[in-house]
Amino acid sequence: MRRAAPIAVGACVVALALLVGALLPFDAVATDLSDRFAGPSLAHPLGTDHLGRDALARLAAGARLSVGFTLLAVAISAVAGTALGLLAGYRGGWPAQVLQRIVDVLIAVPSIVIGLVLAAVLRPGVTTLLLAVLVTGWTPFARLAAGLAVREAGAEYVTGAVALGAGDARILARHILPNAVRPLTAHACLRFANTLLAVAGLSFLGLGPQPPTPEWGAMLNEARPYLFLRPGLVLVPAVAIVGVALLVTLLGRALDRRWN
């Protein structure tokens, strides 16, 4: 795992920076119009925004929502997609065919389009954002899990378990799933970046948490009118989104190389 060491160090540095920001004695939503657009200083390391709110405090608070929300969405997608994929792949026949057709249809629909449709039915917010991500988020895991189940179903240890009278549930949970955990974990790291970008994009369009709640995509949208006046307000959350997505993607690729 030598190649993963710099990635782990980088992730620790990012996590430490966000932790320090979270411990700052500033309220992420408190406004001070007399101190708007202040430059970086000891009091405000990243300056303040158009409402005088501390940019670093908002970045750290936004990380708890953006990164935490993404982790939750990936975890739910991984569990649901893996369960459906393993079951359909192991059973084969029409269940596998139905799952494949559903996956093909949903993969062709962008999350942003689904988010816009949901926003027309539901009001924008965390629930709408989560549903928009989950509708398509489980499909890559289902496709990968189904392929792994098909591959493992013909293995000798599965044939032996069937001969001993083991049921489908036991074979999937005790034999096939443990051998699928590693590739699915690496895939989850790779999917993290896509999910984070989808969350930020939907929030940028106003479909996620509403102001004044700090979220990286929403922060980009709020800072957009002041791009030429204070470009740092746009660059800081943008770099955070790309940086975290890149670190986790590199970690996923390192794990994939290590385990394959």
C-alpha atoms as a PDB file:
ATOM      1  CA  MET A   1       0.000   0.000   0.000  1.00  0.00           C
ATOM      2  CA  ARG A   2       2.942   2.334  -0.534  1.00  0.00           C
ATOM      3  CA  ARG A   3       1.113   4.191  -3.282  1.00  0.00           C
ATOM      4  CA  ALA A   4      -1.843   4.769  -0.978  1.00  0.00           C
ATOM      5  CA  ALA A   5       0.329   6.346   1.740  1.00  0.00           C
ATOM      6  CA  PRO A   6       0.479   9.854   0.166  1.00  0.00           C
ATOM      7  CA  ILE A   7      -3.262   9.668  -0.431  1.00  0.00           C
ATOM      8  CA  ALA A   8      -3.888   8.791   3.198  1.00  0.00           C
ATOM      9  CA  VAL A   9      -1.634  11.646   4.327  1.00  0.00           C
ATOM     10  CA  GLY A  10      -3.478  14.054   2.061  1.00  0.00           C
ATOM     11  CA  ALA A  11      -6.838  12.877   3.387  1.00  0.00           C
ATOM     12  CA  CYS A  12      -5.626  13.363   6.962  1.00  0.00           C
ATOM     13  CA  VAL A  13      -4.448  16.890   6.158  1.00  0.00           C
ATOM     14  CA  VAL A  14      -7.829  17.766   4.655  1.00  0.00           C
ATOM     15  CA  ALA A  15      -9.677  16.230   7.609  1.00  0.00           C
ATOM     16  CA  LEU A  16      -7.445  18.102  10.075  1.00  0.00           C
ATOM     17  CA  ALA A  17      -7.984  21.407   8.283  1.00  0.00           C
ATOM     18  CA  LEU A  18     -11.735  20.929   8.350  1.00  0.00           C
ATOM     19  CA  LEU A  19     -11.623  19.917  12.018  1.00  0.00           C
ATOM     20  CA  VAL A  20      -9.649  23.038  12.910  1.00  0.00           C
ATOM     21  CA  GLY A  21     -12.163  25.127  11.000  1.00  0.00           C
ATOM     22  CA  ALA A  22     -15.028  23.465  12.845  1.00  0.00           C
ATOM     23  CA  LEU A  23     -13.419  24.349  16.187  1.00  0.00           C
ATOM     24  CA  LEU A  24     -13.105  28.041  15.346  1.00  0.00           C
ATOM     25  CA  PRO A  25     -15.171  30.323  17.602  1.00  0.00           C
ATOM     26  CA  PHE A  26     -17.311  31.529  14.696  1.00  0.00           C
ATOM     27  CA  ASP A  27     -20.912  30.791  13.871  1.00  0.00           C
ATOM     28  CA  ALA A  28     -21.159  29.572  10.284  1.00  0.00           C
ATOM     29  CA  VAL A  29     -24.478  31.386   9.785  1.00  0.00           C
ATOM     30  CA  ALA A  30     -23.883  34.526  11.880  1.00  0.00           C
ATOM     31  CA  THR A  31     -23.837  37.669   9.729  1.00  0.00           C
ATOM     32  CA  ASP A  32     -21.902  40.913  10.208  1.00  0.00           C
ATOM     33  CA  LEU A  33     -22.582  43.375   7.400  1.00  0.00           C
ATOM     34  CA  SER A  34     -19.953  45.751   8.760  1.00  0.00           C
ATOM     35  CA  ASP A  35     -17.281  43.131   8.026  1.00  0.00           C
ATOM     36  CA  ARG A  36     -18.439  41.884   4.607  1.00  0.00           C
ATOM     37  CA  PHE A  37     -15.841  40.888   1.989  1.00  0.00           C
ATOM     38  CA  ALA A  38     -13.017  41.076   4.543  1.00  0.00           C
ATOM     39  CA  GLY A  39      -9.718  39.657   3.331  1.00  0.00           C
ATOM     40  CA  PRO A  40      -7.821  36.805   4.971  1.00  0.00           C
ATOM     41  CA  SER A  41      -6.604  37.640   8.473  1.00  0.00           C
ATOM     42  CA  LEU A  42      -5.880  35.995  11.798  1.00  0.00           C
ATOM     43  CA  ALA A  43      -9.491  36.569  12.796  1.00  0.00           C
ATOM     44  CA  HIS A  44     -10.814  35.193   9.493  1.00  0.00           C
ATOM     45  CA  PRO A  45      -8.179  32.952   7.809  1.00  0.00           C
ATOM     46  CA  LEU A  46     -10.197  32.727   4.584  1.00  0.00           C
ATOM     47  CA  GLY A  47     -11.937  36.080   4.874  1.00  0.00           C
ATOM     48  CA  THR A  48     -15.680  36.712   4.968  1.00  0.00           C
ATOM     49  CA  ASP A  49     -18.454  36.544   2.392  1.00  0.00           C
ATOM     50  CA  HIS A  50     -21.043  39.065   1.197  1.00  0.00           C
ATOM     51  CA  LEU A  51     -22.894  38.834   4.507  1.00  0.00           C
ATOM     52  CA  GLY A  52     -19.814  39.006   6.716  1.00  0.00           C
ATOM     53  CA  ARG A  53     -19.875  35.298   7.535  1.00  0.00           C
ATOM     54  CA  ASP A  54     -16.561  33.559   8.205  1.00  0.00           C
ATOM     55  CA  ALA A  55     -15.600  31.605   5.063  1.00  0.00           C
ATOM     56  CA  LEU A  56     -13.537  28.968   6.875  1.00  0.00           C
ATOM     57  CA  ALA A  57     -16.279  28.287   9.409  1.00  0.00           C
ATOM     58  CA  ARG A  58     -18.779  27.865   6.585  1.00  0.00           C
ATOM     59  CA  LEU A  59     -16.380  25.607   4.677  1.00  0.00           C
ATOM     60  CA  ALA A  60     -15.965  23.352   7.707  1.00  0.00           C
ATOM     61  CA  ALA A  61     -19.686  23.324   8.474  1.00  0.00           C
ATOM     62  CA  GLY A  62     -20.413  22.633   4.810  1.00  0.00           C
ATOM     63  CA  ALA A  63     -18.033  19.672   4.878  1.00  0.00           C
ATOM     64  CA  ARG A  64     -20.078  18.004   7.583  1.00  0.00           C
ATOM     65  CA  LEU A  65     -23.110  18.212   5.324  1.00  0.00           C
ATOM     66  CA  SER A  66     -21.534  17.697   1.888  1.00  0.00           C
ATOM     67  CA  VAL A  67     -19.113  14.906   2.810  1.00  0.00           C
ATOM     68  CA  GLY A  68     -21.349  13.368   5.475  1.00  0.00           C
ATOM     69  CA  PHE A  69     -24.365  13.413   3.159  1.00  0.00           C
ATOM     70  CA  THR A  70     -22.315  11.856   0.362  1.00  0.00           C
ATOM     71  CA  LEU A  71     -21.065   9.081   2.654  1.00  0.00           C
ATOM     72  CA  LEU A  72     -24.642   8.351   3.722  1.00  0.00           C
ATOM     73  CA  ALA A  73     -25.882   8.274   0.132  1.00  0.00           C
ATOM     74  CA  VAL A  74     -23.034   5.994  -0.994  1.00  0.00           C
ATOM     75  CA  ALA A  75     -23.596   3.658   1.970  1.00  0.00           C
ATOM     76  CA  ILE A  76     -27.331   3.326   1.274  1.00  0.00           C
ATOM     77  CA  SER A  77     -26.709   2.888  -2.450  1.00  0.00           C
ATOM     78  CA  ALA A  78     -24.037   0.260  -1.799  1.00  0.00           C
ATOM     79  CA  VAL A  79     -26.207  -1.784   0.560  1.00  0.00           C
ATOM     80  CA  ALA A  80     -29.322  -1.665  -1.631  1.00  0.00           C
ATOM     81  CA  GLY A  81     -27.491  -2.188  -4.923  1.00  0.00           C
ATOM     82  CA  THR A  82     -25.335  -5.004  -3.565  1.00  0.00           C
ATOM     83  CA  ALA A  83     -28.313  -6.876  -2.112  1.00  0.00           C
ATOM     84  CA  LEU A  84     -30.320  -6.643  -5.338  1.00  0.00           C
ATOM     85  CA  GLY A  85     -27.336  -7.415  -7.559  1.00  0.00           C
ATOM     86  CA  LEU A  86     -26.177 -10.460  -5.614  1.00  0.00           C
ATOM     87  CA  LEU A  87     -29.661 -11.931  -5.465  1.00  0.00           C
ATOM     88  CA  ALA A  88     -30.417 -11.362  -9.146  1.00  0.00           C
ATOM     89  CA  GLY A  89     -26.971 -12.490 -10.297  1.00  0.00           C
ATOM     90  CA  TYR A  90     -27.068 -15.678  -8.245  1.00  0.00           C
ATOM     91  CA  ARG A  91     -30.601 -16.650  -9.211  1.00  0.00           C
ATOM     92  CA  GLY A  92     -30.159 -15.723 -12.888  1.00  0.00           C
ATOM     93  CA  GLY A  93     -33.046 -16.060 -15.299  1.00  0.00           C
ATOM     94  CA  TRP A  94     -35.760 -13.400 -15.412  1.00  0.00           C
ATOM     95  CA  PRO A  95     -34.704 -11.656 -12.148  1.00  0.00           C
ATOM     96  CA  ALA A  96     -31.303 -10.895 -13.668  1.00  0.00           C
ATOM     97  CA  GLN A  97     -32.893  -9.752 -16.925  1.00  0.00           C
ATOM     98  CA  VAL A  98     -35.354  -7.431 -15.172  1.00  0.00           C
ATOM     99  CA  LEU A  99     -32.620  -5.943 -13.010  1.00  0.00           C
ATOM    100  CA  GLN A 100     -30.405  -5.391 -16.052  1.00  0.00           C
ATOM    101  CA  ARG A 101     -33.171  -3.548 -17.933  1.00  0.00           C
ATOM    102  CA  ILE A 102     -33.943  -1.333 -14.919  1.00  0.00           C
ATOM    103  CA  VAL A 103     -30.253  -0.511 -14.459  1.00  0.00           C
ATOM    104  CA  ASP A 104     -29.852   0.324 -18.144  1.00  0.00           C
ATOM    105  CA  VAL A 105     -32.779   2.760 -18.025  1.00  0.00           C
ATOM    106  CA  LEU A 106     -31.765   4.509 -14.803  1.00  0.00           C
ATOM    107  CA  ILE A 107     -28.102   4.854 -15.745  1.00  0.00           C
ATOM    108  CA  ALA A 108     -29.174   6.758 -18.858  1.00  0.00           C
ATOM    109  CA  VAL A 109     -30.985   9.387 -16.756  1.00  0.00           C
ATOM    110  CA  PRO A 110     -28.754  12.051 -15.103  1.00  0.00           C
ATOM    111  CA  SER A 111     -29.224  12.731 -11.391  1.00  0.00           C
ATOM    112  CA  ILE A 112     -29.818  16.417 -12.117  1.00  0.00           C
ATOM    113  CA  VAL A 113     -32.835  15.612 -14.293  1.00  0.00           C
ATOM    114  CA  ILE A 114     -34.258  13.397 -11.557  1.00  0.00           C
ATOM    115  CA  GLY A 115     -33.595  16.159  -9.029  1.00  0.00           C
ATOM    116  CA  LEU A 116     -35.491  18.692 -11.135  1.00  0.00           C
ATOM    117  CA  VAL A 117     -38.446  16.328 -11.452  1.00  0.00           C
ATOM    118  CA  LEU A 118     -38.491  15.665  -7.719  1.00  0.00           C
ATOM    119  CA  ALA A 119     -38.198  19.386  -6.991  1.00  0.00           C
ATOM    120  CA  ALA A 120     -41.332  19.931  -9.072  1.00  0.00           C
ATOM    121  CA  VAL A 121     -43.184  17.407  -6.908  1.00  0.00           C
ATOM    122  CA  LEU A 122     -41.497  18.002  -3.562  1.00  0.00           C
ATOM    123  CA  ARG A 123     -40.000  21.175  -2.205  1.00  0.00           C
ATOM    124  CA  PRO A 124     -36.196  21.532  -2.410  1.00  0.00           C
ATOM    125  CA  GLY A 125     -34.343  20.245   0.619  1.00  0.00           C
ATOM    126  CA  VAL A 126     -32.283  17.417   2.050  1.00  0.00           C
ATOM    127  CA  THR A 127     -34.981  14.803   1.373  1.00  0.00           C
ATOM    128  CA  THR A 128     -35.278  15.807  -2.274  1.00  0.00           C
ATOM    129  CA  LEU A 129     -31.505  15.781  -2.631  1.00  0.00           C
ATOM    130  CA  LEU A 130     -31.173  12.329  -1.074  1.00  0.00           C
ATOM    131  CA  LEU A 131     -33.906  10.846  -3.261  1.00  0.00           C
ATOM    132  CA  ALA A 132     -32.380  12.345  -6.406  1.00  0.00           C
ATOM    133  CA  VAL A 133     -29.028  10.734  -5.623  1.00  0.00           C
ATOM    134  CA  LEU A 134     -30.406   7.378  -4.515  1.00  0.00           C
ATOM    135  CA  VAL A 135     -32.701   6.818  -7.513  1.00  0.00           C
ATOM    136  CA  THR A 136     -29.670   6.147  -9.713  1.00  0.00           C
ATOM    137  CA  GLY A 137     -26.927   5.707  -7.097  1.00  0.00           C
ATOM    138  CA  TRP A 138     -27.616   2.027  -6.439  1.00  0.00           C
ATOM    139  CA  THR A 139     -27.394   0.945 -10.072  1.00  0.00           C
ATOM    140  CA  PRO A 140     -23.569   0.704 -10.460  1.00  0.00           C
ATOM    141  CA  PHE A 141     -23.359  -1.406  -7.302  1.00  0.00           C
ATOM    142  CA  ALA A 142     -26.157  -3.694  -8.528  1.00  0.00           C
ATOM    143  CA  ARG A 143     -24.432  -4.215 -11.876  1.00  0.00           C
ATOM    144  CA  LEU A 144     -21.070  -4.989 -10.255  1.00  0.00           C
ATOM    145  CA  ALA A 145     -22.586  -7.234  -7.581  1.00  0.00           C
ATOM    146  CA  ALA A 146     -24.570  -9.171 -10.185  1.00  0.00           C
ATOM    147  CA  GLY A 147     -21.420  -9.822 -12.196  1.00  0.00           C
ATOM    148  CA  LEU A 148     -19.551 -10.954  -9.098  1.00  0.00           C
ATOM    149  CA  ALA A 149     -22.420 -13.254  -8.111  1.00  0.00           C
ATOM    150  CA  VAL A 150     -22.472 -14.853 -11.553  1.00  0.00           C
ATOM    151  CA  ARG A 151     -18.721 -15.418 -11.365  1.00  0.00           C
ATOM    152  CA  GLU A 152     -18.760 -16.871  -7.866  1.00  0.00           C
ATOM    153  CA  ALA A 153     -21.885 -18.983  -8.387  1.00  0.00           C
ATOM    154  CA  GLY A 154     -19.882 -21.453 -10.468  1.00  0.00           C
ATOM    155  CA  ALA A 155     -17.044 -21.756  -7.971  1.00  0.00           C
ATOM    156  CA  GLU A 156     -16.353 -25.107  -6.325  1.00  0.00           C
ATOM    157  CA  TYR A 157     -16.966 -23.818  -2.800  1.00  0.00           C
ATOM    158  CA  VAL A 158     -20.489 -22.703  -3.804  1.00  0.00           C
ATOM    159  CA  THR A 159     -21.167 -26.060  -5.465  1.00  0.00           C
ATOM    160  CA  GLY A 160     -20.010 -27.779  -2.280  1.00  0.00           C
ATOM    161  CA  ALA A 161     -22.265 -25.595  -0.124  1.00  0.00           C
ATOM    162  CA  VAL A 162     -25.248 -26.432  -2.336  1.00  0.00           C
ATOM    163  CA  ALA A 163     -24.432 -30.124  -2.076  1.00  0.00           C
ATOM    164  CA  LEU A 164     -24.434 -29.832   1.716  1.00  0.00           C
ATOM    165  CA  GLY A 165     -27.943 -28.372   1.604  1.00  0.00           C
ATOM    166  CA  ALA A 166     -27.155 -24.702   2.255  1.00  0.00           C
ATOM    167  CA  GLY A 167     -29.942 -22.320   1.285  1.00  0.00           C
ATOM    168  CA  ASP A 168     -29.611 -19.379  -1.070  1.00  0.00           C
ATOM    169  CA  ALA A 169     -29.541 -16.827   1.751  1.00  0.00           C
ATOM    170  CA  ARG A 170     -26.716 -18.634   3.548  1.00  0.00           C
ATOM    171  CA  ILE A 171     -24.695 -19.061   0.363  1.00  0.00           C
ATOM    172  CA  LEU A 172     -25.037 -15.387  -0.511  1.00  0.00           C
ATOM    173  CA  ALA A 173     -24.299 -14.101   2.997  1.00  0.00           C
ATOM    174  CA  ARG A 174     -21.603 -16.547   4.108  1.00  0.00           C
ATOM    175  CA  HIS A 175     -19.828 -17.439   0.873  1.00  0.00           C
ATOM    176  CA  ILE A 176     -20.397 -15.060  -2.030  1.00  0.00           C
ATOM    177  CA  LEU A 177     -20.658 -11.710  -0.192  1.00  0.00           C
ATOM    178  CA  PRO A 178     -17.299 -12.004   1.653  1.00  0.00           C
ATOM    179  CA  ASN A 179     -15.561 -12.509  -1.688  1.00  0.00           C
ATOM    180  CA  ALA A 180     -17.337  -9.495  -3.152  1.00  0.00           C
ATOM    181  CA  VAL A 181     -16.584  -7.060  -0.316  1.00  0.00           C
ATOM    182  CA  ARG A 182     -13.176  -5.945  -1.587  1.00  0.00           C
ATOM    183  CA  PRO A 183     -14.161  -5.000  -5.159  1.00  0.00           C
ATOM    184  CA  LEU A 184     -17.367  -3.400  -3.878  1.00  0.00           C
ATOM    185  CA  THR A 185     -15.410  -1.349  -1.321  1.00  0.00           C
ATOM    186  CA  ALA A 186     -13.007  -0.110  -3.979  1.00  0.00           C
ATOM    187  CA  HIS A 187     -15.965   0.696  -6.215  1.00  0.00           C
ATOM    188  CA  ALA A 188     -17.633   2.638  -3.397  1.00  0.00           C
ATOM    189  CA  CYS A 189     -14.565   4.881  -3.153  1.00  0.00           C
ATOM    190  CA  LEU A 190     -14.734   5.481  -6.888  1.00  0.00           C
ATOM    191  CA  ARG A 191     -18.461   6.236  -6.709  1.00  0.00           C
ATOM    192  CA  PHE A 192     -17.900   8.707  -3.870  1.00  0.00           C
ATOM    193  CA  ALA A 193     -16.526  11.320  -6.263  1.00  0.00           C
ATOM    194  CA  ASN A 194     -19.505  11.022  -8.628  1.00  0.00           C
ATOM    195  CA  THR A 195     -21.940  11.262  -5.747  1.00  0.00           C
ATOM    196  CA  LEU A 196     -20.175  14.262  -4.204  1.00  0.00           C
ATOM    197  CA  LEU A 197     -20.224  16.089  -7.538  1.00  0.00           C
ATOM    198  CA  ALA A 198     -23.898  15.224  -8.006  1.00  0.00           C
ATOM    199  CA  VAL A 199     -24.751  16.499  -4.530  1.00  0.00           C
ATOM    200  CA  ALA A 200     -22.808  19.716  -5.095  1.00  0.00           C
ATOM    201  CA  GLY A 201     -24.370  20.196  -8.535  1.00  0.00           C
ATOM    202  CA  LEU A 202     -27.916  19.724  -7.278  1.00  0.00           C
ATOM    203  CA  SER A 203     -27.275  22.062  -4.350  1.00  0.00           C
ATOM    204  CA  PHE A 204     -25.780  24.607  -6.748  1.00  0.00           C
ATOM    205  CA  LEU A 205     -29.101  24.565  -8.610  1.00  0.00           C
ATOM    206  CA  GLY A 206     -30.955  25.199  -5.366  1.00  0.00           C
ATOM    207  CA  LEU A 207     -32.357  21.692  -4.946  1.00  0.00           C
ATOM    208  CA  GLY A 208     -30.476  20.894  -1.751  1.00  0.00           C
ATOM    209  CA  PRO A 209     -30.304  22.494   1.711  1.00  0.00           C
ATOM    210  CA  GLN A 210     -31.664  26.003   1.660  1.00  0.00           C
ATOM    211  CA  PRO A 211     -29.840  29.167   2.863  1.00  0.00           C
ATOM    212  CA  PRO A 212     -28.368  29.952   5.287  1.00  0.00           C
ATOM    213  CA  THR A 213     -27.376  26.288   5.756  1.00  0.00           C
ATOM    214  CA  PRO A 214     -23.756  25.956   4.531  1.00  0.00           C
ATOM    215  CA  GLU A 215     -23.145  23.357   1.838  1.00  0.00           C
ATOM    216  CA  TRP A 216     -20.310  23.436  -0.681  1.00  0.00           C
ATOM    217  CA  GLY A 217     -22.487  23.470  -3.799  1.00  0.00           C
ATOM    218  CA  ALA A 218     -24.814  26.081  -2.313  1.00  0.00           C
ATOM    219  CA  MET A 219     -21.786  28.163  -1.275  1.00  0.00           C
ATOM    220  CA  LEU A 220     -20.634  28.165  -4.901  1.00  0.00           C
ATOM    221  CA  ASN A 221     -24.014  29.451  -6.003  1.00  0.00           C
ATOM    222  CA  GLU A 222     -24.066  32.182  -3.361  1.00  0.00           C
ATOM    223  CA  ALA A 223     -20.549  33.342  -4.270  1.00  0.00           C
ATOM    224  CA  ARG A 224     -21.111  33.235  -8.040  1.00  0.00           C
ATOM    225  CA  PRO A 225     -22.274  36.900  -8.361  1.00  0.00           C
ATOM    226  CA  TYR A 226     -19.064  38.027  -6.632  1.00  0.00           C
ATOM    227  CA  LEU A 227     -16.655  35.956  -8.723  1.00  0.00           C
ATOM    228  CA  PHE A 228     -14.639  38.934  -9.977  1.00  0.00           C
ATOM    229  CA  LEU A 229     -14.887  40.891  -6.731  1.00  0.00           C
ATOM    230  CA  ARG A 230     -13.836  38.056  -4.406  1.00  0.00           C
ATOM    231  CA  PRO A 231     -12.789  34.993  -6.468  1.00  0.00           C
ATOM    232  CA  GLY A 232     -11.616  33.244  -3.317  1.00  0.00           C
ATOM    233  CA  LEU A 233     -15.218  32.746  -2.204  1.00  0.00           C
ATOM    234  CA  VAL A 234     -15.759  30.607  -5.303  1.00  0.00           C
ATOM    235  CA  LEU A 235     -12.365  28.935  -5.399  1.00  0.00           C
ATOM    236  CA  VAL A 236     -12.396  27.715  -1.779  1.00  0.00           C
ATOM    237  CA  PRO A 237     -15.494  25.464  -1.970  1.00  0.00           C
ATOM    238  CA  ALA A 238     -14.623  24.475  -5.556  1.00  0.00           C
ATOM    239  CA  VAL A 239     -11.146  23.316  -4.525  1.00  0.00           C
ATOM    240  CA  ALA A 240     -12.653  21.512  -1.523  1.00  0.00           C
ATOM    241  CA  ILE A 241     -15.100  19.590  -3.734  1.00  0.00           C
ATOM    242  CA  VAL A 242     -12.512  18.639  -6.344  1.00  0.00           C
ATOM    243  CA  GLY A 243      -9.804  17.912  -3.757  1.00  0.00           C
ATOM    244  CA  VAL A 244     -11.895  15.581  -1.605  1.00  0.00           C
ATOM    245  CA  ALA A 245     -13.321  13.823  -4.674  1.00  0.00           C
ATOM    246  CA  LEU A 246      -9.817  13.353  -6.095  1.00  0.00           C
ATOM    247  CA  LEU A 247      -8.366  12.010  -2.849  1.00  0.00           C
ATOM    248  CA  VAL A 248     -11.102   9.430  -2.382  1.00  0.00           C
ATOM    249  CA  THR A 249     -10.923   8.413  -6.055  1.00  0.00           C
ATOM    250  CA  LEU A 250      -7.166   7.879  -5.831  1.00  0.00           C
ATOM    251  CA  LEU A 251      -7.684   5.849  -2.681  1.00  0.00           C
ATOM    252  CA  GLY A 252     -10.253   3.711  -4.481  1.00  0.00           C
ATOM    253  CA  ARG A 253      -7.885   3.122  -7.400  1.00  0.00           C
ATOM    254  CA  ALA A 254      -5.082   2.201  -4.997  1.00  0.00           C
ATOM    255  CA  LEU A 255      -7.328  -0.304  -3.232  1.00  0.00           C
ATOM    256  CA  ASP A 256      -8.471  -1.730  -6.556  1.00  0.00           C
ATOM    257  CA  ARG A 257      -4.855  -2.269  -7.677  1.00  0.00           C
ATOM    258  CA  ARG A 258      -3.957  -3.752  -4.322  1.00  0.00           C
ATOM    259  CA  TRP A 259      -6.800  -6.257  -4.242  1.00  0.00           C
ATOM    260  CA  ASN A 260      -6.774  -7.290  -7.907  1.00  0.00           C
END
